[in-house]
Structure formats: C-alpha cells, structure tokens
Amino acid sequence: MEPPEIIDVDEPVVRCDGGGGALGHPAVYLNMGERTEIDCPYCGRRYILTSRAKVAAGH
C-alpha cells in the first residue's frame, strides 16, 4: 500500500502530528537511525531523508 503522503526531509529525526491541526494525531518524533526513510505509525506519512541531509555527530 502506498503512503498517503511522501515528505522529503533534511534531518534523520522528524516530528509528525498528522497535519490538519485538531484533526491530526498526537505529535510523535520518528528517528530513522541508519535508514533513509520512515513511516509514521499513526497516519502513514512517509519521510525520506534527502541527499543533502546533515550527518549526525556520533555520541
């Protein structure tokens, strides 16, 4: 099944609230880790890390 929306992002951690204000869902922070994409478990939006993304410093 295709995601309802695909969003390009520049950071490996994204915040999703489903959009639509009160019609959205609780805000969640999604961490891609080593992956280049992640789907929101609430609304199914797919976030794709772009090639111009910042490299995270290792801590």
N, C-alpha and C. Protein backbone atom coordinates (compact mmCIF):
# COMPACT_ATOMS: atom_id res chain seq x y z
N MET A 1 0.83 -1.17 0.00
CA MET A 1 0.00 0.00 0.00
C MET A 1 0.88 1.24 0.00
N GLU A 2 0.56 2.18 -0.84
CA GLU A 2 1.32 3.42 -0.94
C GLU A 2 0.99 4.36 0.22
N PRO A 3 2.01 5.11 0.71
CA PRO A 3 1.73 6.07 1.78
C PRO A 3 0.85 7.20 1.26
N PRO A 4 0.05 7.81 2.15
CA PRO A 4 -0.83 8.89 1.73
C PRO A 4 -0.07 10.15 1.31
N GLU A 5 1.16 10.30 1.82
CA GLU A 5 1.96 11.48 1.51
C GLU A 5 3.42 11.12 1.68
N ILE A 6 4.28 11.63 0.82
CA ILE A 6 5.72 11.43 0.92
C ILE A 6 6.36 12.80 1.13
N ILE A 7 7.18 12.91 2.17
CA ILE A 7 7.79 14.18 2.53
C ILE A 7 9.30 14.02 2.57
N ASP A 8 10.02 14.85 1.81
CA ASP A 8 11.48 14.87 1.85
C ASP A 8 11.93 15.70 3.04
N VAL A 9 12.89 15.19 3.79
CA VAL A 9 13.41 15.89 4.97
C VAL A 9 14.92 15.92 4.93
N ASP A 10 15.50 16.89 5.66
CA ASP A 10 16.95 17.05 5.71
C ASP A 10 17.57 16.54 7.01
N GLU A 11 16.73 16.09 7.94
CA GLU A 11 17.20 15.61 9.25
C GLU A 11 16.70 14.18 9.47
N PRO A 12 17.50 13.34 10.15
CA PRO A 12 17.07 11.96 10.38
C PRO A 12 16.03 11.79 11.48
N VAL A 13 15.74 12.85 12.23
CA VAL A 13 14.69 12.82 13.24
C VAL A 13 13.61 13.81 12.80
N VAL A 14 12.39 13.33 12.68
CA VAL A 14 11.29 14.18 12.22
C VAL A 14 10.14 14.15 13.22
N ARG A 15 9.36 15.22 13.21
CA ARG A 15 8.17 15.32 14.07
C ARG A 15 6.96 15.22 13.17
N CYS A 16 6.02 14.36 13.52
CA CYS A 16 4.80 14.21 12.75
C CYS A 16 3.61 14.37 13.67
N ASP A 17 2.64 15.20 13.24
CA ASP A 17 1.41 15.36 14.00
C ASP A 17 0.19 15.11 13.13
N GLY A 18 0.42 14.55 11.97
CA GLY A 18 -0.66 14.22 11.06
C GLY A 18 -1.20 15.38 10.26
N GLY A 19 -0.76 16.60 10.57
CA GLY A 19 -1.27 17.77 9.88
C GLY A 19 -2.74 18.01 10.20
N GLY A 20 -3.28 19.06 9.68
CA GLY A 20 -4.71 19.30 9.86
C GLY A 20 -5.10 19.80 11.24
N GLY A 21 -4.16 20.30 12.04
CA GLY A 21 -4.50 20.85 13.35
C GLY A 21 -5.16 19.83 14.25
N ALA A 22 -6.36 20.14 14.71
CA ALA A 22 -7.07 19.27 15.65
C ALA A 22 -7.48 17.94 15.01
N LEU A 23 -7.44 17.86 13.70
CA LEU A 23 -7.81 16.62 13.02
C LEU A 23 -6.62 15.67 12.86
N GLY A 24 -5.46 16.09 13.31
CA GLY A 24 -4.26 15.27 13.20
C GLY A 24 -4.21 14.19 14.26
N HIS A 25 -3.00 13.88 14.73
CA HIS A 25 -2.81 12.88 15.78
C HIS A 25 -1.78 13.43 16.77
N PRO A 26 -1.56 12.75 17.89
CA PRO A 26 -0.55 13.24 18.84
C PRO A 26 0.80 13.35 18.14
N ALA A 27 1.57 14.36 18.50
CA ALA A 27 2.89 14.55 17.91
C ALA A 27 3.81 13.39 18.32
N VAL A 28 4.50 12.85 17.33
CA VAL A 28 5.49 11.80 17.57
C VAL A 28 6.78 12.19 16.88
N TYR A 29 7.91 11.80 17.48
CA TYR A 29 9.21 12.03 16.88
C TYR A 29 9.70 10.69 16.35
N LEU A 30 10.05 10.67 15.09
CA LEU A 30 10.47 9.45 14.43
C LEU A 30 11.96 9.55 14.10
N ASN A 31 12.73 8.57 14.55
CA ASN A 31 14.18 8.56 14.35
C ASN A 31 14.51 7.49 13.32
N MET A 32 15.10 7.90 12.21
CA MET A 32 15.42 6.96 11.14
C MET A 32 16.61 6.07 11.46
N GLY A 33 17.45 6.49 12.39
CA GLY A 33 18.64 5.69 12.69
C GLY A 33 19.51 5.57 11.44
N GLU A 34 19.80 4.36 11.01
CA GLU A 34 20.63 4.11 9.83
C GLU A 34 19.82 4.08 8.53
N ARG A 35 18.49 4.14 8.64
CA ARG A 35 17.64 4.07 7.46
C ARG A 35 17.57 5.41 6.75
N THR A 36 17.02 5.41 5.55
CA THR A 36 16.85 6.65 4.79
C THR A 36 15.38 7.04 4.66
N GLU A 37 14.48 6.24 5.24
CA GLU A 37 13.06 6.59 5.23
C GLU A 37 12.38 5.94 6.42
N ILE A 38 11.23 6.55 6.79
CA ILE A 38 10.44 6.03 7.91
C ILE A 38 8.99 6.42 7.70
N ASP A 39 8.08 5.55 8.11
CA ASP A 39 6.64 5.82 8.01
C ASP A 39 6.09 6.12 9.39
N CYS A 40 5.18 7.09 9.46
CA CYS A 40 4.52 7.40 10.73
C CYS A 40 3.55 6.28 11.05
N PRO A 41 3.61 5.74 12.29
CA PRO A 41 2.70 4.66 12.65
C PRO A 41 1.25 5.11 12.79
N TYR A 42 1.01 6.40 12.95
CA TYR A 42 -0.36 6.91 13.09
C TYR A 42 -1.03 7.16 11.74
N CYS A 43 -0.37 7.99 10.91
CA CYS A 43 -1.03 8.44 9.68
C CYS A 43 -0.46 7.84 8.41
N GLY A 44 0.68 7.17 8.50
CA GLY A 44 1.26 6.53 7.33
C GLY A 44 2.11 7.43 6.45
N ARG A 45 2.25 8.71 6.81
CA ARG A 45 3.13 9.58 6.02
C ARG A 45 4.52 8.96 5.96
N ARG A 46 5.14 9.05 4.81
CA ARG A 46 6.50 8.54 4.65
C ARG A 46 7.47 9.71 4.57
N TYR A 47 8.48 9.67 5.41
CA TYR A 47 9.53 10.69 5.43
C TYR A 47 10.78 10.08 4.81
N ILE A 48 11.35 10.79 3.83
CA ILE A 48 12.52 10.30 3.12
C ILE A 48 13.66 11.28 3.32
N LEU A 49 14.79 10.78 3.79
CA LEU A 49 15.98 11.60 4.03
C LEU A 49 16.61 11.94 2.69
N THR A 50 16.81 13.23 2.45
CA THR A 50 17.38 13.67 1.17
C THR A 50 18.89 13.52 1.18
N SER A 51 19.48 13.65 0.02
CA SER A 51 20.93 13.51 -0.10
C SER A 51 21.67 14.69 0.54
N ARG A 52 20.97 15.78 0.79
CA ARG A 52 21.64 16.93 1.41
C ARG A 52 21.48 16.95 2.92
N ALA A 53 21.10 15.82 3.49
CA ALA A 53 20.90 15.72 4.94
C ALA A 53 22.20 15.89 5.68
N LYS A 54 22.12 16.44 6.89
CA LYS A 54 23.29 16.62 7.74
C LYS A 54 23.68 15.28 8.34
N VAL A 55 24.97 15.07 8.46
CA VAL A 55 25.47 13.84 9.10
C VAL A 55 25.51 14.10 10.60
N ALA A 56 24.88 13.22 11.35
CA ALA A 56 24.84 13.36 12.82
C ALA A 56 26.19 13.03 13.43
N ALA A 57 26.56 13.81 14.44
CA ALA A 57 27.80 13.55 15.16
C ALA A 57 27.59 12.36 16.07
N GLY A 58 28.57 11.47 16.14
CA GLY A 58 28.45 10.30 16.99
C GLY A 58 28.69 10.65 18.45
N HIS A 59 27.78 10.24 19.32
CA HIS A 59 27.92 10.47 20.77
C HIS A 59 27.62 9.19 21.48
